Amino acid sequence: MPLDYPTEKVADMPWLGALLLLLIASPLIMFVAHAIAFRTLNRVGVGATAHSSAFIALLVAFLPVCGMAWRFGVFDTSQDVTTSLCAFAYLAVVYGALAVLYLDVVNIAETSLHMHLLLELAWNRATPIAELLERYSADRMIAARLERLTSLGQVRVAGGRCYVGNRSTLYLAGAVDAWRIVLGLPTTPPDAADPAVAVGHSGQ
């Protein structure tokens, strides 16, 4: 059945191949920008974490990606404004998806106890159990997470007490809870929901 609306042919978009190659190379650009951002922020005394520097790097890296796309003729408004807008939307959506995947990798590298322990053993061959228990104690893990939350603005510390800072993560948590309710999943950890288990833990 013939279509009643005009469609773009690949031949009318000579920049399409260059745009796809640019998007394929985007994770490498993100990685380089992240390395530069982390080192630069720490040198100026900001004390950035892997997460906060990644957010900044991903936002900054989008500018050269757009610049290269413009150089490839992706945003040539002299021909067709609609095509250029659609190309920019496609670039932004795909870059955003790749940025989320990159943040997932950063999160795994930073917070995965499984990965940290395996790397620790691989680097040091044989590590005493007592040293591992000390290095990954509950106090140190909580301190590391508080430092990360503070640097991201999610938590603020004043007068020896912790307060909620930016509530955006709480809104996201509420959305996740709604999603779990629809699926029929519990919205609280089983241990916290069971008083007997909680008492047992507190008595240890």
Foldseek 3Di string as FASTA:
>chain_A
DDDPDDDDDVVNPVLVVVLVVLLVCLVVLLVVLLVVQVVVCVVVPLPADSLVSSVVSLVVSVVVSVVVSVVSVLQVVVPPNVSSVVSVVVSVVSSVVVSVVVSVVSCCVPPPPVVVVVVVCVVVVDDDPVVVCVCPPPVNNVVVVVVNCVSVQQWDDDPNDIDGGDCPVVVVLVVVLVVCVVVVHDSDPPCVVDPVSVVVVVVD
